[in-house]
Amino acid sequence: MKRVITYGTYDVLHFGHINLLKRAKALGDYLIVGISTDEFNSVKGKKAYYMYEQRKSIIENLRFVDLVIPENSWAQKPNDIQKYQADIFVMGNDWEGKFDELEELCEVIYLPRTEGVSSTQTKNYINSF
């Protein structure tokens, strides 16, 4: 069984998230999604519209996601790769080169983002009303 792992905040879920997660799943048999906790988002200087447990519930209910785990820090990725025996680490290409050191543990793939959509763009649109 080939295991794929990816991470994100997944706030205000949109078709760009869906595209990324579906393409990640297509690379293997089992998809693990790490979701940034509210506390970790605070460290990153981000604030999600939905709380962690709500975002977790949304992602858990996608049929192509097999497991959701909390992302509590930047440093946990190598441990998660080993703990969950991930064969492939996937991120959007806006992170290109940022996780190349993980190639010592598994294959690292940066997938193209879906053009024309982002959580920030969606939030800005919603807030314009």
C-alpha atoms as a PDB file:
ATOM      1  CA  MET A   1       0.000   0.000   0.000  1.00  0.00           C
ATOM      2  CA  LYS A   2       1.383   3.395  -1.013  1.00  0.00           C
ATOM      3  CA  ARG A   3       0.720   6.121   1.575  1.00  0.00           C
ATOM      4  CA  VAL A   4       0.563   9.839   0.755  1.00  0.00           C
ATOM      5  CA  ILE A   5       0.714  12.651   3.314  1.00  0.00           C
ATOM      6  CA  THR A   6      -0.063  16.350   2.887  1.00  0.00           C
ATOM      7  CA  TYR A   7      -0.704  19.363   5.122  1.00  0.00           C
ATOM      8  CA  GLY A   8      -2.739  22.553   5.094  1.00  0.00           C
ATOM      9  CA  THR A   9      -5.108  24.823   6.952  1.00  0.00           C
ATOM     10  CA  TYR A  10      -8.091  23.981   4.701  1.00  0.00           C
ATOM     11  CA  ASP A  11     -10.097  26.991   5.789  1.00  0.00           C
ATOM     12  CA  VAL A  12     -13.066  27.952   3.613  1.00  0.00           C
ATOM     13  CA  LEU A  13     -12.834  24.750   1.559  1.00  0.00           C
ATOM     14  CA  HIS A  14     -12.895  25.401  -2.205  1.00  0.00           C
ATOM     15  CA  PHE A  15     -12.371  23.489  -5.452  1.00  0.00           C
ATOM     16  CA  GLY A  16      -8.633  24.219  -5.367  1.00  0.00           C
ATOM     17  CA  HIS A  17      -8.379  22.238  -2.113  1.00  0.00           C
ATOM     18  CA  ILE A  18     -10.485  19.450  -3.608  1.00  0.00           C
ATOM     19  CA  ASN A  19      -8.291  19.311  -6.730  1.00  0.00           C
ATOM     20  CA  LEU A  20      -5.098  19.145  -4.668  1.00  0.00           C
ATOM     21  CA  LEU A  21      -6.424  16.436  -2.351  1.00  0.00           C
ATOM     22  CA  LYS A  22      -7.812  14.328  -5.217  1.00  0.00           C
ATOM     23  CA  ARG A  23      -4.509  14.548  -7.111  1.00  0.00           C
ATOM     24  CA  ALA A  24      -2.617  13.654  -3.919  1.00  0.00           C
ATOM     25  CA  LYS A  25      -4.826  10.604  -3.398  1.00  0.00           C
ATOM     26  CA  ALA A  26      -4.286   9.544  -7.026  1.00  0.00           C
ATOM     27  CA  LEU A  27      -0.567   9.178  -6.239  1.00  0.00           C
ATOM     28  CA  GLY A  28      -1.211   6.363  -3.781  1.00  0.00           C
ATOM     29  CA  ASP A  29      -3.716   4.181  -1.979  1.00  0.00           C
ATOM     30  CA  TYR A  30      -4.084   5.942   1.379  1.00  0.00           C
ATOM     31  CA  LEU A  31      -4.247   9.720   1.939  1.00  0.00           C
ATOM     32  CA  ILE A  32      -3.265  11.287   5.258  1.00  0.00           C
ATOM     33  CA  VAL A  33      -4.103  14.971   5.692  1.00  0.00           C
ATOM     34  CA  GLY A  34      -2.489  17.074   8.388  1.00  0.00           C
ATOM     35  CA  ILE A  35      -4.596  20.084   9.319  1.00  0.00           C
ATOM     36  CA  SER A  36      -3.024  23.065  11.059  1.00  0.00           C
ATOM     37  CA  THR A  37      -4.457  23.496  14.542  1.00  0.00           C
ATOM     38  CA  ASP A  38      -5.731  26.887  15.678  1.00  0.00           C
ATOM     39  CA  GLU A  39      -2.685  27.219  17.939  1.00  0.00           C
ATOM     40  CA  PHE A  40      -0.272  26.462  15.093  1.00  0.00           C
ATOM     41  CA  ASN A  41      -2.086  28.903  12.808  1.00  0.00           C
ATOM     42  CA  SER A  42      -1.537  31.549  15.481  1.00  0.00           C
ATOM     43  CA  VAL A  43       2.211  30.813  15.430  1.00  0.00           C
ATOM     44  CA  LYS A  44       2.118  31.198  11.631  1.00  0.00           C
ATOM     45  CA  GLY A  45       0.279  34.530  11.972  1.00  0.00           C
ATOM     46  CA  LYS A  46      -2.901  33.105  10.419  1.00  0.00           C
ATOM     47  CA  LYS A  47      -6.461  33.030  11.684  1.00  0.00           C
ATOM     48  CA  ALA A  48      -8.863  30.524  10.177  1.00  0.00           C
ATOM     49  CA  TYR A  49     -12.554  31.314   9.787  1.00  0.00           C
ATOM     50  CA  TYR A  50     -13.475  27.808  10.988  1.00  0.00           C
ATOM     51  CA  MET A  51     -12.079  26.262  14.154  1.00  0.00           C
ATOM     52  CA  TYR A  52      -9.793  23.220  13.878  1.00  0.00           C
ATOM     53  CA  GLU A  53     -12.475  20.670  14.833  1.00  0.00           C
ATOM     54  CA  GLN A  54     -14.828  22.068  12.173  1.00  0.00           C
ATOM     55  CA  ARG A  55     -12.126  21.991   9.477  1.00  0.00           C
ATOM     56  CA  LYS A  56     -11.168  18.476  10.558  1.00  0.00           C
ATOM     57  CA  SER A  57     -14.778  17.297  10.267  1.00  0.00           C
ATOM     58  CA  ILE A  58     -15.117  18.747   6.767  1.00  0.00           C
ATOM     59  CA  ILE A  59     -11.915  17.097   5.497  1.00  0.00           C
ATOM     60  CA  GLU A  60     -12.702  13.768   7.225  1.00  0.00           C
ATOM     61  CA  ASN A  61     -15.934  13.603   5.258  1.00  0.00           C
ATOM     62  CA  LEU A  62     -14.265  13.744   1.854  1.00  0.00           C
ATOM     63  CA  ARG A  63     -14.428  10.229   0.419  1.00  0.00           C
ATOM     64  CA  PHE A  64     -10.834  10.288  -0.838  1.00  0.00           C
ATOM     65  CA  VAL A  65      -9.311  11.241   2.547  1.00  0.00           C
ATOM     66  CA  ASP A  66      -8.427   8.246   4.711  1.00  0.00           C
ATOM     67  CA  LEU A  67      -7.016   9.873   7.851  1.00  0.00           C
ATOM     68  CA  VAL A  68      -6.869  13.389   9.303  1.00  0.00           C
ATOM     69  CA  ILE A  69      -4.209  14.328  11.855  1.00  0.00           C
ATOM     70  CA  PRO A  70      -3.481  17.599  13.666  1.00  0.00           C
ATOM     71  CA  GLU A  71      -0.509  19.667  12.516  1.00  0.00           C
ATOM     72  CA  ASN A  72       0.928  21.291  15.639  1.00  0.00           C
ATOM     73  CA  SER A  73       4.314  22.529  14.379  1.00  0.00           C
ATOM     74  CA  TRP A  74       6.589  22.853  11.358  1.00  0.00           C
ATOM     75  CA  ALA A  75       8.934  20.271  12.888  1.00  0.00           C
ATOM     76  CA  GLN A  76       6.493  17.361  13.126  1.00  0.00           C
ATOM     77  CA  LYS A  77       6.506  16.426   9.428  1.00  0.00           C
ATOM     78  CA  PRO A  78       9.528  14.055   9.555  1.00  0.00           C
ATOM     79  CA  ASN A  79       8.049  12.280  12.581  1.00  0.00           C
ATOM     80  CA  ASP A  80       4.654  11.956  10.883  1.00  0.00           C
ATOM     81  CA  ILE A  81       6.245  10.547   7.723  1.00  0.00           C
ATOM     82  CA  GLN A  82       7.911   7.846   9.813  1.00  0.00           C
ATOM     83  CA  LYS A  83       4.972   7.244  12.164  1.00  0.00           C
ATOM     84  CA  TYR A  84       2.435   6.835   9.333  1.00  0.00           C
ATOM     85  CA  GLN A  85       4.943   5.158   6.968  1.00  0.00           C
ATOM     86  CA  ALA A  86       4.296   7.716   4.230  1.00  0.00           C
ATOM     87  CA  ASP A  87       5.851   6.988   0.850  1.00  0.00           C
ATOM     88  CA  ILE A  88       5.041  10.379  -0.684  1.00  0.00           C
ATOM     89  CA  PHE A  89       4.876  13.883   0.796  1.00  0.00           C
ATOM     90  CA  VAL A  90       2.723  16.287  -1.260  1.00  0.00           C
ATOM     91  CA  MET A  91       2.335  20.059  -1.109  1.00  0.00           C
ATOM     92  CA  GLY A  92       1.152  22.745  -3.511  1.00  0.00           C
ATOM     93  CA  ASN A  93       3.836  24.215  -5.734  1.00  0.00           C
ATOM     94  CA  ASP A  94       3.684  27.503  -3.843  1.00  0.00           C
ATOM     95  CA  TRP A  95       5.851  25.585  -1.313  1.00  0.00           C
ATOM     96  CA  GLU A  96       8.321  24.393  -3.978  1.00  0.00           C
ATOM     97  CA  GLY A  97      11.748  23.701  -2.473  1.00  0.00           C
ATOM     98  CA  LYS A  98      10.646  24.321   1.132  1.00  0.00           C
ATOM     99  CA  PHE A  99      10.454  20.634   2.059  1.00  0.00           C
ATOM    100  CA  ASP A 100      13.181  19.104  -0.106  1.00  0.00           C
ATOM    101  CA  GLU A 101      15.011  17.861   3.024  1.00  0.00           C
ATOM    102  CA  LEU A 102      12.181  15.352   3.493  1.00  0.00           C
ATOM    103  CA  GLU A 103      13.438  13.503   0.394  1.00  0.00           C
ATOM    104  CA  GLU A 104      15.687  11.598   2.814  1.00  0.00           C
ATOM    105  CA  LEU A 105      12.519   9.974   4.181  1.00  0.00           C
ATOM    106  CA  CYS A 106      10.169   9.715   1.204  1.00  0.00           C
ATOM    107  CA  GLU A 107       9.396  11.080  -2.245  1.00  0.00           C
ATOM    108  CA  VAL A 108       8.488  14.803  -2.220  1.00  0.00           C
ATOM    109  CA  ILE A 109       6.061  16.091  -4.849  1.00  0.00           C
ATOM    110  CA  TYR A 110       4.886  19.675  -5.358  1.00  0.00           C
ATOM    111  CA  LEU A 111       1.594  19.774  -7.253  1.00  0.00           C
ATOM    112  CA  PRO A 112       0.445  22.808  -9.273  1.00  0.00           C
ATOM    113  CA  ARG A 113      -2.159  24.925  -7.541  1.00  0.00           C
ATOM    114  CA  THR A 114      -5.543  25.458  -9.145  1.00  0.00           C
ATOM    115  CA  GLU A 115      -5.435  28.811 -10.928  1.00  0.00           C
ATOM    116  CA  GLY A 116      -7.826  31.567  -9.917  1.00  0.00           C
ATOM    117  CA  VAL A 117      -8.842  30.386  -6.457  1.00  0.00           C
ATOM    118  CA  SER A 118      -7.503  30.747  -2.917  1.00  0.00           C
ATOM    119  CA  SER A 119      -8.915  30.889   0.585  1.00  0.00           C
ATOM    120  CA  THR A 120      -7.739  34.491   0.942  1.00  0.00           C
ATOM    121  CA  GLN A 121      -9.458  35.458  -2.309  1.00  0.00           C
ATOM    122  CA  THR A 122     -12.674  33.724  -1.201  1.00  0.00           C
ATOM    123  CA  LYS A 123     -12.625  35.400   2.240  1.00  0.00           C
ATOM    124  CA  ASN A 124     -12.014  38.817   0.662  1.00  0.00           C
ATOM    125  CA  TYR A 125     -14.944  38.275  -1.690  1.00  0.00           C
ATOM    126  CA  ILE A 126     -17.265  37.205   1.134  1.00  0.00           C
ATOM    127  CA  ASN A 127     -16.187  40.157   3.289  1.00  0.00           C
ATOM    128  CA  SER A 128     -16.957  42.601   0.461  1.00  0.00           C
ATOM    129  CA  PHE A 129     -20.704  42.185   1.070  1.00  0.00           C
END
